[in-house]
Amino acid sequence: MILLIIIGVIVLLVLWVIGMYNSFVRAKIKIDNSWSDISVFLKKRFDLIPNLVNTVKGYAAHESQTLEKVVQARNAAVAVPAEDVQAAAQANQVLSGALRGLLAVAESYPDLKANQNFLELQQALQNIEGDLGNARRYYNATVRDYNTSIQQFPGVILANITHFKPRDFFVLEDKQEAQNVEVKF
């Protein structure tokens, strides 16, 4: 009888460990998936920027310094390794600032503000920025849930044994950068 109880406890313990391990794996995959969503929106943003710069360039050719900053910030953001969350956050923070400068320059050109192509690009950028903000929030929520599960007792024991490590949040150092790029004319 005691042997059956011991076997039953061992079986329950093994099932619990398997369940806990699988929940860590699910959470990790969820994080990877949500980071992939961010990457998709960042790529859309990166692809839109040359069109936006070229449209503004046609109207504001003498604003070359602003245009160059946007192009350099875009190129730097594209060059960040896909798995480096903090570097991506920093590069995109710089890019958002450069885009703000570009849109501020566009304010000075009434013909540009009325250009249909520019208006469409501006709307697309605004949509991408909204989607990107939502994707960042979702990513951070999945990281929070995962980090909590691997740091709470008794999960921390299994996480340490199986080498599950905490993941980084997508953090923007400048709180203003957490807001969408404001596009208004």
Protein backbone atom coordinates (compact mmCIF):
# COMPACT_ATOMS: atom_id res chain seq x y z
CA MET A 1 0.00 0.00 0.00
CA ILE A 2 2.78 2.42 0.91
CA LEU A 3 4.56 1.49 -2.30
CA LEU A 4 1.46 2.48 -4.31
CA ILE A 5 1.28 5.82 -2.51
CA ILE A 6 4.97 6.48 -3.19
CA ILE A 7 4.54 5.52 -6.86
CA GLY A 8 1.42 7.72 -7.06
CA VAL A 9 3.29 10.71 -5.57
CA ILE A 10 6.21 10.16 -7.96
CA VAL A 11 3.85 9.95 -10.96
CA LEU A 12 2.08 13.16 -9.86
CA LEU A 13 5.41 14.89 -9.36
CA VAL A 14 6.63 13.82 -12.82
CA LEU A 15 3.35 14.99 -14.40
CA TRP A 16 3.64 18.31 -12.57
CA VAL A 17 7.25 18.80 -13.78
CA ILE A 18 6.23 17.95 -17.35
CA GLY A 19 3.29 20.39 -17.16
CA MET A 20 5.45 23.17 -15.72
CA TYR A 21 8.18 22.61 -18.31
CA ASN A 22 5.62 22.67 -21.14
CA SER A 23 4.13 25.91 -19.80
CA PHE A 24 7.62 27.49 -19.90
CA VAL A 25 8.07 26.31 -23.49
CA ARG A 26 4.63 27.67 -24.48
CA ALA A 27 5.42 31.03 -22.89
CA LYS A 28 8.81 31.19 -24.62
CA ILE A 29 7.23 30.42 -28.00
CA LYS A 30 4.61 33.09 -27.37
CA ILE A 31 7.39 35.62 -26.76
CA ASP A 32 9.18 34.60 -29.95
CA ASN A 33 5.93 34.88 -31.88
CA SER A 34 5.16 38.32 -30.48
CA TRP A 35 8.72 39.49 -31.28
CA SER A 36 8.17 38.23 -34.80
CA ASP A 37 5.06 40.45 -35.00
CA ILE A 38 7.15 43.45 -33.94
CA SER A 39 9.72 42.55 -36.60
CA VAL A 40 7.00 42.51 -39.28
CA PHE A 41 5.77 45.98 -38.31
CA LEU A 42 9.32 47.31 -38.10
CA LYS A 43 10.00 45.98 -41.60
CA LYS A 44 6.86 47.69 -42.90
CA ARG A 45 8.03 50.89 -41.23
CA PHE A 46 11.53 50.53 -42.69
CA ASP A 47 10.10 49.89 -46.17
CA LEU A 48 7.82 52.94 -45.97
CA ILE A 49 10.54 55.39 -44.94
CA PRO A 50 12.40 55.64 -48.31
CA ASN A 51 9.13 56.50 -50.05
CA LEU A 52 8.35 59.12 -47.44
CA VAL A 53 11.85 60.60 -47.68
CA ASN A 54 11.69 60.71 -51.49
CA THR A 55 8.33 62.43 -51.42
CA VAL A 56 9.56 65.06 -48.97
CA LYS A 57 12.83 65.41 -50.91
CA GLY A 58 10.91 66.54 -53.97
CA TYR A 59 9.47 69.47 -52.04
CA ALA A 60 12.18 70.20 -49.50
CA ALA A 61 15.47 69.42 -51.22
CA HIS A 62 17.39 71.92 -49.12
CA GLU A 63 16.41 70.02 -45.93
CA SER A 64 19.03 67.40 -46.76
CA GLN A 65 20.37 67.16 -43.20
CA THR A 66 16.96 66.10 -41.88
CA LEU A 67 16.50 63.65 -44.72
CA GLU A 68 19.95 62.17 -44.14
CA LYS A 69 19.21 61.70 -40.42
CA VAL A 70 16.10 59.71 -41.25
CA VAL A 71 17.95 57.53 -43.76
CA GLN A 72 20.86 56.94 -41.36
CA ALA A 73 18.49 56.12 -38.48
CA ARG A 74 16.57 53.70 -40.72
CA ASN A 75 19.77 51.98 -41.88
CA ALA A 76 21.01 51.68 -38.29
CA ALA A 77 17.69 50.18 -37.18
CA VAL A 78 17.67 47.69 -40.06
CA ALA A 79 21.20 46.58 -39.15
CA VAL A 80 20.28 45.56 -35.58
CA PRO A 81 20.36 41.78 -35.08
CA ALA A 82 16.84 40.38 -34.88
CA GLU A 83 17.27 38.86 -31.42
CA ASP A 84 18.73 41.98 -29.74
CA VAL A 85 15.65 43.49 -28.12
CA GLN A 86 17.40 46.37 -26.35
CA ALA A 87 19.41 47.43 -29.41
CA ALA A 88 16.23 47.31 -31.50
CA ALA A 89 14.44 49.49 -28.96
CA GLN A 90 17.27 52.04 -28.95
CA ALA A 91 17.62 52.13 -32.74
CA ASN A 92 13.89 52.55 -33.20
CA GLN A 93 13.84 55.30 -30.61
CA VAL A 94 16.39 57.22 -32.70
CA LEU A 95 14.38 56.48 -35.84
CA SER A 96 11.17 57.80 -34.25
CA GLY A 97 12.96 61.03 -33.36
CA ALA A 98 14.25 61.39 -36.92
CA LEU A 99 10.76 60.78 -38.29
CA ARG A 100 9.39 63.47 -35.99
CA GLY A 101 11.95 65.86 -37.46
CA LEU A 102 10.98 64.88 -41.00
CA LEU A 103 7.29 65.43 -40.31
CA ALA A 104 8.09 68.77 -38.68
CA VAL A 105 9.90 69.84 -41.86
CA ALA A 106 6.87 68.82 -43.90
CA GLU A 107 4.78 71.29 -41.87
CA SER A 108 6.57 74.14 -43.67
CA TYR A 109 5.50 73.05 -47.15
CA PRO A 110 1.79 73.54 -47.97
CA ASP A 111 2.14 71.86 -51.37
CA LEU A 112 3.66 68.81 -49.72
CA LYS A 113 0.91 68.66 -47.11
CA ALA A 114 -1.65 68.58 -49.93
CA ASN A 115 0.19 65.95 -52.01
CA GLN A 116 -1.92 62.78 -52.28
CA ASN A 117 1.10 60.47 -52.22
CA PHE A 118 2.42 62.15 -49.08
CA LEU A 119 -1.00 61.94 -47.43
CA GLU A 120 -1.20 58.22 -48.19
CA LEU A 121 2.32 57.61 -46.87
CA GLN A 122 1.53 59.65 -43.79
CA GLN A 123 -1.62 57.58 -43.14
CA ALA A 124 0.30 54.34 -43.69
CA LEU A 125 2.98 55.48 -41.24
CA GLN A 126 0.35 56.37 -38.67
CA ASN A 127 -1.27 52.93 -39.06
CA ILE A 128 2.06 51.14 -38.77
CA GLU A 129 2.98 53.15 -35.68
CA GLY A 130 -0.32 52.16 -34.05
CA ASP A 131 0.19 48.50 -34.92
CA LEU A 132 3.78 48.66 -33.68
CA GLY A 133 2.68 50.15 -30.36
CA ASN A 134 0.12 47.37 -29.91
CA ALA A 135 2.69 44.72 -30.81
CA ARG A 136 5.18 46.17 -28.29
CA ARG A 137 2.56 46.08 -25.54
CA TYR A 138 1.67 42.48 -26.36
CA TYR A 139 5.33 41.46 -26.48
CA ASN A 140 5.98 43.04 -23.10
CA ALA A 141 2.91 41.31 -21.63
CA THR A 142 4.16 37.91 -22.83
CA VAL A 143 7.63 38.63 -21.45
CA ARG A 144 6.08 39.67 -18.12
CA ASP A 145 4.06 36.45 -17.89
CA TYR A 146 7.03 34.28 -18.83
CA ASN A 147 9.46 36.04 -16.49
CA THR A 148 6.94 35.79 -13.65
CA SER A 149 6.43 32.06 -14.21
CA ILE A 150 10.15 31.25 -14.21
CA GLN A 151 10.90 33.42 -11.17
CA GLN A 152 8.09 32.32 -8.86
CA PHE A 153 8.41 29.37 -6.55
CA PRO A 154 8.33 26.44 -7.34
CA GLY A 155 8.79 27.21 -11.04
CA VAL A 156 12.11 28.92 -10.36
CA ILE A 157 13.62 25.59 -9.36
CA LEU A 158 12.64 23.89 -12.59
CA ALA A 159 13.57 26.97 -14.63
CA ASN A 160 17.06 27.01 -13.14
CA ILE A 161 17.54 23.28 -13.73
CA THR A 162 16.34 23.51 -17.34
CA HIS A 163 18.16 26.82 -18.05
CA PHE A 164 15.15 29.01 -18.81
CA LYS A 165 16.41 32.59 -18.53
CA PRO A 166 14.44 35.84 -18.13
CA ARG A 167 13.79 37.74 -21.36
CA ASP A 168 14.23 41.48 -21.97
CA PHE A 169 11.33 43.86 -22.27
CA PHE A 170 11.08 46.16 -25.28
CA VAL A 171 11.77 49.34 -23.33
CA LEU A 172 11.92 52.84 -24.73
CA GLU A 173 14.08 55.03 -22.54
CA ASP A 174 12.35 58.26 -23.55
CA LYS A 175 8.70 58.03 -22.48
CA GLN A 176 7.74 60.38 -25.34
CA GLU A 177 8.96 57.71 -27.75
CA ALA A 178 6.35 55.29 -26.42
CA GLN A 179 3.71 57.45 -28.06
CA ASN A 180 2.94 57.05 -31.72
CA VAL A 181 4.60 59.41 -34.17
CA GLU A 182 2.08 62.21 -34.42
CA VAL A 183 1.14 62.83 -38.00
CA LYS A 184 -1.18 65.80 -38.46
CA PHE A 185 -1.57 68.52 -40.99
